[in-house]
Amino acid sequence: MLFTGCASTNNNPVASSALPESRIEGNIPVNAPFAKIKIGMGQDQVHSILGQSTYNKKYQTGKMWIPPSILAAMTCV
């Protein structure tokens, strides 16, 4: 039997769990709604400034074509 996995050489758990640095790039006009968005805002705060998304496209994934009996067998361990 062959087992594989990933290895990490980072011995500092604090540094590895830190979030990547965030930044806002570009020239946003001062009076634009996007200028009010700040890093760390919650989704509800952003929605209150910009409004809800109007992009609601739905699409089918490949799972739609997997028969239910096979899906049930895949979920049972």
PDB file of N, CA and C in Angstrom:
ATOM      1  N   MET A   1       0.843  -1.163   0.000  1.00  0.00           N
ATOM      2  CA  MET A   1       0.000   0.000   0.000  1.00  0.00           C
ATOM      3  C   MET A   1       0.895   1.235   0.000  1.00  0.00           C
ATOM      4  N   LEU A   2       0.529   2.230  -0.776  1.00  0.00           N
ATOM      5  CA  LEU A   2       1.307   3.454  -0.896  1.00  0.00           C
ATOM      6  C   LEU A   2       0.498   4.621  -0.372  1.00  0.00           C
ATOM      7  N   PHE A   3       1.094   5.394   0.544  1.00  0.00           N
ATOM      8  CA  PHE A   3       0.440   6.585   1.086  1.00  0.00           C
ATOM      9  C   PHE A   3       1.212   7.811   0.645  1.00  0.00           C
ATOM     10  N   THR A   4       0.490   8.837   0.264  1.00  0.00           N
ATOM     11  CA  THR A   4       1.135  10.088  -0.113  1.00  0.00           C
ATOM     12  C   THR A   4       0.510  11.215   0.679  1.00  0.00           C
ATOM     13  N   GLY A   5       1.218  12.327   0.756  1.00  0.00           N
ATOM     14  CA  GLY A   5       0.688  13.481   1.472  1.00  0.00           C
ATOM     15  C   GLY A   5       1.543  14.695   1.210  1.00  0.00           C
ATOM     16  N   CYS A   6       1.210  15.791   1.859  1.00  0.00           N
ATOM     17  CA  CYS A   6       1.939  17.034   1.703  1.00  0.00           C
ATOM     18  C   CYS A   6       2.759  17.283   2.965  1.00  0.00           C
ATOM     19  N   ALA A   7       3.892  17.840   2.786  1.00  0.00           N
ATOM     20  CA  ALA A   7       4.749  18.168   3.919  1.00  0.00           C
ATOM     21  C   ALA A   7       4.961  19.669   3.957  1.00  0.00           C
ATOM     22  N   SER A   8       5.147  20.197   5.159  1.00  0.00           N
ATOM     23  CA  SER A   8       5.394  21.619   5.326  1.00  0.00           C
ATOM     24  C   SER A   8       6.681  21.793   6.116  1.00  0.00           C
ATOM     25  N   THR A   9       7.481  22.747   5.704  1.00  0.00           N
ATOM     26  CA  THR A   9       8.709  23.023   6.435  1.00  0.00           C
ATOM     27  C   THR A   9       8.547  24.204   7.372  1.00  0.00           C
ATOM     28  N   ASN A  10       7.334  24.774   7.446  1.00  0.00           N
ATOM     29  CA  ASN A  10       7.082  25.914   8.307  1.00  0.00           C
ATOM     30  C   ASN A  10       6.824  25.424   9.728  1.00  0.00           C
ATOM     31  N   ASN A  11       7.718  25.732  10.646  1.00  0.00           N
ATOM     32  CA  ASN A  11       7.575  25.302  12.028  1.00  0.00           C
ATOM     33  C   ASN A  11       6.905  26.347  12.900  1.00  0.00           C
ATOM     34  N   ASN A  12       6.496  27.469  12.326  1.00  0.00           N
ATOM     35  CA  ASN A  12       5.869  28.540  13.079  1.00  0.00           C
ATOM     36  C   ASN A  12       4.370  28.531  12.790  1.00  0.00           C
ATOM     37  N   PRO A  13       3.531  27.935  13.688  1.00  0.00           N
ATOM     38  CA  PRO A  13       2.106  27.846  13.402  1.00  0.00           C
ATOM     39  C   PRO A  13       1.412  29.205  13.360  1.00  0.00           C
ATOM     40  N   VAL A  14       1.932  30.203  14.067  1.00  0.00           N
ATOM     41  CA  VAL A  14       1.314  31.522  14.057  1.00  0.00           C
ATOM     42  C   VAL A  14       1.466  32.166  12.690  1.00  0.00           C
ATOM     43  N   ALA A  15       2.642  32.087  12.113  1.00  0.00           N
ATOM     44  CA  ALA A  15       2.891  32.689  10.806  1.00  0.00           C
ATOM     45  C   ALA A  15       2.110  31.969   9.711  1.00  0.00           C
ATOM     46  N   SER A  16       1.958  30.648   9.817  1.00  0.00           N
ATOM     47  CA  SER A  16       1.264  29.916   8.768  1.00  0.00           C
ATOM     48  C   SER A  16      -0.235  30.146   8.807  1.00  0.00           C
ATOM     49  N   SER A  17      -0.793  30.525   9.964  1.00  0.00           N
ATOM     50  CA  SER A  17      -2.228  30.756  10.043  1.00  0.00           C
ATOM     51  C   SER A  17      -2.603  32.212   9.770  1.00  0.00           C
ATOM     52  N   ALA A  18      -1.618  33.069   9.592  1.00  0.00           N
ATOM     53  CA  ALA A  18      -1.901  34.480   9.342  1.00  0.00           C
ATOM     54  C   ALA A  18      -2.490  34.660   7.951  1.00  0.00           C
ATOM     55  N   LEU A  19      -3.400  35.605   7.839  1.00  0.00           N
ATOM     56  CA  LEU A  19      -4.005  35.889   6.549  1.00  0.00           C
ATOM     57  C   LEU A  19      -3.020  36.624   5.660  1.00  0.00           C
ATOM     58  N   PRO A  20      -3.124  36.443   4.350  1.00  0.00           N
ATOM     59  CA  PRO A  20      -2.240  37.183   3.458  1.00  0.00           C
ATOM     60  C   PRO A  20      -2.540  38.678   3.528  1.00  0.00           C
ATOM     61  N   GLU A  21      -1.555  39.471   3.197  1.00  0.00           N
ATOM     62  CA  GLU A  21      -1.724  40.921   3.227  1.00  0.00           C
ATOM     63  C   GLU A  21      -2.769  41.335   2.196  1.00  0.00           C
ATOM     64  N   SER A  22      -3.685  42.195   2.616  1.00  0.00           N
ATOM     65  CA  SER A  22      -4.716  42.704   1.716  1.00  0.00           C
ATOM     66  C   SER A  22      -4.407  44.141   1.359  1.00  0.00           C
ATOM     67  N   ARG A  23      -4.776  44.519   0.163  1.00  0.00           N
ATOM     68  CA  ARG A  23      -4.584  45.902  -0.243  1.00  0.00           C
ATOM     69  C   ARG A  23      -5.597  46.238  -1.329  1.00  0.00           C
ATOM     70  N   ILE A  24      -5.887  47.511  -1.447  1.00  0.00           N
ATOM     71  CA  ILE A  24      -6.780  48.001  -2.479  1.00  0.00           C
ATOM     72  C   ILE A  24      -5.932  48.734  -3.493  1.00  0.00           C
ATOM     73  N   GLU A  25      -6.051  48.333  -4.746  1.00  0.00           N
ATOM     74  CA  GLU A  25      -5.252  48.946  -5.798  1.00  0.00           C
ATOM     75  C   GLU A  25      -6.150  49.660  -6.788  1.00  0.00           C
ATOM     76  N   GLY A  26      -5.606  50.633  -7.445  1.00  0.00           N
ATOM     77  CA  GLY A  26      -6.332  51.346  -8.477  1.00  0.00           C
ATOM     78  C   GLY A  26      -6.660  52.756  -8.057  1.00  0.00           C
ATOM     79  N   ASN A  27      -7.115  53.532  -9.006  1.00  0.00           N
ATOM     80  CA  ASN A  27      -7.500  54.917  -8.756  1.00  0.00           C
ATOM     81  C   ASN A  27      -9.019  54.992  -8.699  1.00  0.00           C
ATOM     82  N   ILE A  28      -9.547  54.978  -7.484  1.00  0.00           N
ATOM     83  CA  ILE A  28     -10.988  55.023  -7.287  1.00  0.00           C
ATOM     84  C   ILE A  28     -11.383  56.468  -7.000  1.00  0.00           C
ATOM     85  N   PRO A  29     -12.321  57.024  -7.758  1.00  0.00           N
ATOM     86  CA  PRO A  29     -12.755  58.397  -7.491  1.00  0.00           C
ATOM     87  C   PRO A  29     -13.296  58.540  -6.064  1.00  0.00           C
ATOM     88  N   VAL A  30     -13.020  59.657  -5.436  1.00  0.00           N
ATOM     89  CA  VAL A  30     -13.392  59.881  -4.041  1.00  0.00           C
ATOM     90  C   VAL A  30     -14.899  59.783  -3.829  1.00  0.00           C
ATOM     91  N   ASN A  31     -15.689  60.252  -4.779  1.00  0.00           N
ATOM     92  CA  ASN A  31     -17.138  60.255  -4.594  1.00  0.00           C
ATOM     93  C   ASN A  31     -17.817  58.960  -5.066  1.00  0.00           C
ATOM     94  N   ALA A  32     -17.051  57.971  -5.485  1.00  0.00           N
ATOM     95  CA  ALA A  32     -17.606  56.697  -5.936  1.00  0.00           C
ATOM     96  C   ALA A  32     -17.981  55.825  -4.738  1.00  0.00           C
ATOM     97  N   PRO A  33     -19.032  55.005  -4.853  1.00  0.00           N
ATOM     98  CA  PRO A  33     -19.404  54.102  -3.758  1.00  0.00           C
ATOM     99  C   PRO A  33     -18.273  53.157  -3.357  1.00  0.00           C
ATOM    100  N   PHE A  34     -17.459  52.738  -4.317  1.00  0.00           N
ATOM    101  CA  PHE A  34     -16.348  51.833  -4.004  1.00  0.00           C
ATOM    102  C   PHE A  34     -15.321  52.481  -3.078  1.00  0.00           C
ATOM    103  N   ALA A  35     -15.256  53.791  -3.042  1.00  0.00           N
ATOM    104  CA  ALA A  35     -14.310  54.479  -2.170  1.00  0.00           C
ATOM    105  C   ALA A  35     -14.680  54.295  -0.698  1.00  0.00           C
ATOM    106  N   LYS A  36     -15.930  53.933  -0.434  1.00  0.00           N
ATOM    107  CA  LYS A  36     -16.382  53.728   0.947  1.00  0.00           C
ATOM    108  C   LYS A  36     -16.057  52.334   1.471  1.00  0.00           C
ATOM    109  N   ILE A  37     -15.670  51.434   0.580  1.00  0.00           N
ATOM    110  CA  ILE A  37     -15.353  50.063   0.970  1.00  0.00           C
ATOM    111  C   ILE A  37     -13.972  50.017   1.600  1.00  0.00           C
ATOM    112  N   LYS A  38     -13.880  49.383   2.761  1.00  0.00           N
ATOM    113  CA  LYS A  38     -12.616  49.258   3.488  1.00  0.00           C
ATOM    114  C   LYS A  38     -12.304  47.792   3.730  1.00  0.00           C
ATOM    115  N   ILE A  39     -11.046  47.472   3.849  1.00  0.00           N
ATOM    116  CA  ILE A  39     -10.608  46.115   4.138  1.00  0.00           C
ATOM    117  C   ILE A  39     -11.112  45.722   5.514  1.00  0.00           C
ATOM    118  N   GLY A  40     -11.661  44.532   5.618  1.00  0.00           N
ATOM    119  CA  GLY A  40     -12.157  44.024   6.883  1.00  0.00           C
ATOM    120  C   GLY A  40     -13.655  44.196   7.071  1.00  0.00           C
ATOM    121  N   MET A  41     -14.331  44.861   6.136  1.00  0.00           N
ATOM    122  CA  MET A  41     -15.776  45.031   6.233  1.00  0.00           C
ATOM    123  C   MET A  41     -16.466  43.699   6.008  1.00  0.00           C
ATOM    124  N   GLY A  42     -17.592  43.533   6.666  1.00  0.00           N
ATOM    125  CA  GLY A  42     -18.389  42.336   6.470  1.00  0.00           C
ATOM    126  C   GLY A  42     -19.215  42.435   5.201  1.00  0.00           C
ATOM    127  N   GLN A  43     -19.716  41.298   4.761  1.00  0.00           N
ATOM    128  CA  GLN A  43     -20.494  41.263   3.529  1.00  0.00           C
ATOM    129  C   GLN A  43     -21.755  42.116   3.663  1.00  0.00           C
ATOM    130  N   ASP A  44     -22.394  42.102   4.833  1.00  0.00           N
ATOM    131  CA  ASP A  44     -23.601  42.905   5.018  1.00  0.00           C
ATOM    132  C   ASP A  44     -23.297  44.401   4.953  1.00  0.00           C
ATOM    133  N   GLN A  45     -22.123  44.800   5.444  1.00  0.00           N
ATOM    134  CA  GLN A  45     -21.729  46.209   5.363  1.00  0.00           C
ATOM    135  C   GLN A  45     -21.496  46.624   3.912  1.00  0.00           C
ATOM    136  N   VAL A  46     -20.840  45.765   3.148  1.00  0.00           N
ATOM    137  CA  VAL A  46     -20.581  46.062   1.740  1.00  0.00           C
ATOM    138  C   VAL A  46     -21.902  46.128   0.970  1.00  0.00           C
ATOM    139  N   HIS A  47     -22.812  45.209   1.272  1.00  0.00           N
ATOM    140  CA  HIS A  47     -24.109  45.229   0.600  1.00  0.00           C
ATOM    141  C   HIS A  47     -24.895  46.485   0.937  1.00  0.00           C
ATOM    142  N   SER A  48     -24.754  46.981   2.148  1.00  0.00           N
ATOM    143  CA  SER A  48     -25.484  48.198   2.494  1.00  0.00           C
ATOM    144  C   SER A  48     -24.948  49.410   1.723  1.00  0.00           C
ATOM    145  N   ILE A  49     -23.679  49.378   1.337  1.00  0.00           N
ATOM    146  CA  ILE A  49     -23.089  50.481   0.569  1.00  0.00           C
ATOM    147  C   ILE A  49     -23.341  50.317  -0.924  1.00  0.00           C
ATOM    148  N   LEU A  50     -23.060  49.119  -1.450  1.00  0.00           N
ATOM    149  CA  LEU A  50     -23.146  48.896  -2.891  1.00  0.00           C
ATOM    150  C   LEU A  50     -24.473  48.319  -3.346  1.00  0.00           C
ATOM    151  N   GLY A  51     -25.240  47.740  -2.437  1.00  0.00           N
ATOM    152  CA  GLY A  51     -26.469  47.056  -2.808  1.00  0.00           C
ATOM    153  C   GLY A  51     -26.197  45.595  -3.113  1.00  0.00           C
ATOM    154  N   GLN A  52     -27.253  44.829  -3.254  1.00  0.00           N
ATOM    155  CA  GLN A  52     -27.124  43.404  -3.549  1.00  0.00           C
ATOM    156  C   GLN A  52     -26.639  43.201  -4.980  1.00  0.00           C
ATOM    157  N   SER A  53     -25.999  42.093  -5.208  1.00  0.00           N
ATOM    158  CA  SER A  53     -25.515  41.752  -6.540  1.00  0.00           C
ATOM    159  C   SER A  53     -26.691  41.505  -7.475  1.00  0.00           C
ATOM    160  N   THR A  54     -26.558  41.929  -8.701  1.00  0.00           N
ATOM    161  CA  THR A  54     -27.588  41.655  -9.706  1.00  0.00           C
ATOM    162  C   THR A  54     -27.177  40.499 -10.602  1.00  0.00           C
ATOM    163  N   TYR A  55     -26.010  39.924 -10.360  1.00  0.00           N
ATOM    164  CA  TYR A  55     -25.523  38.795 -11.149  1.00  0.00           C
ATOM    165  C   TYR A  55     -25.947  37.508 -10.462  1.00  0.00           C
ATOM    166  N   ASN A  56     -26.915  36.838 -11.018  1.00  0.00           N
ATOM    167  CA  ASN A  56     -27.445  35.618 -10.411  1.00  0.00           C
ATOM    168  C   ASN A  56     -27.455  34.465 -11.400  1.00  0.00           C
ATOM    169  N   LYS A  57     -26.433  34.353 -12.204  1.00  0.00           N
ATOM    170  CA  LYS A  57     -26.377  33.300 -13.221  1.00  0.00           C
ATOM    171  C   LYS A  57     -26.213  31.943 -12.541  1.00  0.00           C
ATOM    172  N   LYS A  58     -27.001  31.002 -12.969  1.00  0.00           N
ATOM    173  CA  LYS A  58     -26.918  29.638 -12.450  1.00  0.00           C
ATOM    174  C   LYS A  58     -26.420  28.737 -13.571  1.00  0.00           C
ATOM    175  N   TYR A  59     -25.671  27.729 -13.214  1.00  0.00           N
ATOM    176  CA  TYR A  59     -25.150  26.819 -14.212  1.00  0.00           C
ATOM    177  C   TYR A  59     -25.108  25.410 -13.647  1.00  0.00           C
ATOM    178  N   GLN A  60     -25.126  24.444 -14.531  1.00  0.00           N
ATOM    179  CA  GLN A  60     -25.097  23.050 -14.125  1.00  0.00           C
ATOM    180  C   GLN A  60     -23.652  22.603 -13.952  1.00  0.00           C
ATOM    181  N   THR A  61     -23.434  21.776 -12.958  1.00  0.00           N
ATOM    182  CA  THR A  61     -22.105  21.209 -12.758  1.00  0.00           C
ATOM    183  C   THR A  61     -22.097  19.769 -13.256  1.00  0.00           C
ATOM    184  N   GLY A  62     -20.947  19.180 -13.273  1.00  0.00           N
ATOM    185  CA  GLY A  62     -20.819  17.796 -13.711  1.00  0.00           C
ATOM    186  C   GLY A  62     -21.505  16.812 -12.784  1.00  0.00           C
ATOM    187  N   LYS A  63     -21.754  17.200 -11.524  1.00  0.00           N
ATOM    188  CA  LYS A  63     -22.417  16.292 -10.586  1.00  0.00           C
ATOM    189  C   LYS A  63     -23.839  15.972 -11.010  1.00  0.00           C
ATOM    190  N   MET A  64     -24.430  16.840 -11.807  1.00  0.00           N
ATOM    191  CA  MET A  64     -25.801  16.591 -12.255  1.00  0.00           C
ATOM    192  C   MET A  64     -25.894  15.291 -13.045  1.00  0.00           C
ATOM    193  N   TRP A  65     -24.832  14.935 -13.715  1.00  0.00           N
ATOM    194  CA  TRP A  65     -24.860  13.772 -14.597  1.00  0.00           C
ATOM    195  C   TRP A  65     -24.408  12.491 -13.907  1.00  0.00           C
ATOM    196  N   ILE A  66     -24.098  12.532 -12.608  1.00  0.00           N
ATOM    197  CA  ILE A  66     -23.728  11.331 -11.866  1.00  0.00           C
ATOM    198  C   ILE A  66     -25.011  10.696 -11.342  1.00  0.00           C
ATOM    199  N   PRO A  67     -25.269   9.420 -11.641  1.00  0.00           N
ATOM    200  CA  PRO A  67     -26.493   8.767 -11.165  1.00  0.00           C
ATOM    201  C   PRO A  67     -26.571   8.784  -9.635  1.00  0.00           C
ATOM    202  N   PRO A  68     -27.785   8.913  -9.072  1.00  0.00           N
ATOM    203  CA  PRO A  68     -27.947   8.983  -7.611  1.00  0.00           C
ATOM    204  C   PRO A  68     -27.352   7.790  -6.869  1.00  0.00           C
ATOM    205  N   SER A  69     -27.411   6.581  -7.460  1.00  0.00           N
ATOM    206  CA  SER A  69     -26.867   5.414  -6.783  1.00  0.00           C
ATOM    207  C   SER A  69     -25.356   5.522  -6.603  1.00  0.00           C
ATOM    208  N   ILE A  70     -24.683   6.114  -7.573  1.00  0.00           N
ATOM    209  CA  ILE A  70     -23.225   6.282  -7.478  1.00  0.00           C
ATOM    210  C   ILE A  70     -22.911   7.383  -6.457  1.00  0.00           C
ATOM    211  N   LEU A  71     -23.701   8.456  -6.458  1.00  0.00           N
ATOM    212  CA  LEU A  71     -23.492   9.505  -5.467  1.00  0.00           C
ATOM    213  C   LEU A  71     -23.648   8.970  -4.049  1.00  0.00           C
ATOM    214  N   ALA A  72     -24.660   8.120  -3.835  1.00  0.00           N
ATOM    215  CA  ALA A  72     -24.877   7.548  -2.508  1.00  0.00           C
ATOM    216  C   ALA A  72     -23.696   6.666  -2.105  1.00  0.00           C
ATOM    217  N   ALA A  73     -23.150   5.923  -3.046  1.00  0.00           N
ATOM    218  CA  ALA A  73     -22.006   5.061  -2.747  1.00  0.00           C
ATOM    219  C   ALA A  73     -20.764   5.892  -2.444  1.00  0.00           C
ATOM    220  N   MET A  74     -20.642   7.072  -3.067  1.00  0.00           N
ATOM    221  CA  MET A  74     -19.481   7.920  -2.838  1.00  0.00           C
ATOM    222  C   MET A  74     -19.530   8.565  -1.470  1.00  0.00           C
ATOM    223  N   THR A  75     -20.724   8.819  -0.928  1.00  0.00           N
ATOM    224  CA  THR A  75     -20.826   9.501   0.355  1.00  0.00           C
ATOM    225  C   THR A  75     -20.722   8.537   1.528  1.00  0.00           C
ATOM    226  N   CYS A  76     -20.988   7.268   1.319  1.00  0.00           N
ATOM    227  CA  CYS A  76     -20.868   6.279   2.395  1.00  0.00           C
ATOM    228  C   CYS A  76     -19.420   5.855   2.542  1.00  0.00           C
ATOM    229  N   VAL A  77     -18.925   5.915   3.752  1.00  0.00           N
ATOM    230  CA  VAL A  77     -17.531   5.533   3.991  1.00  0.00           C
ATOM    231  C   VAL A  77     -17.461   4.315   4.839  1.00  0.00           C
TER     232      VAL A  77
END
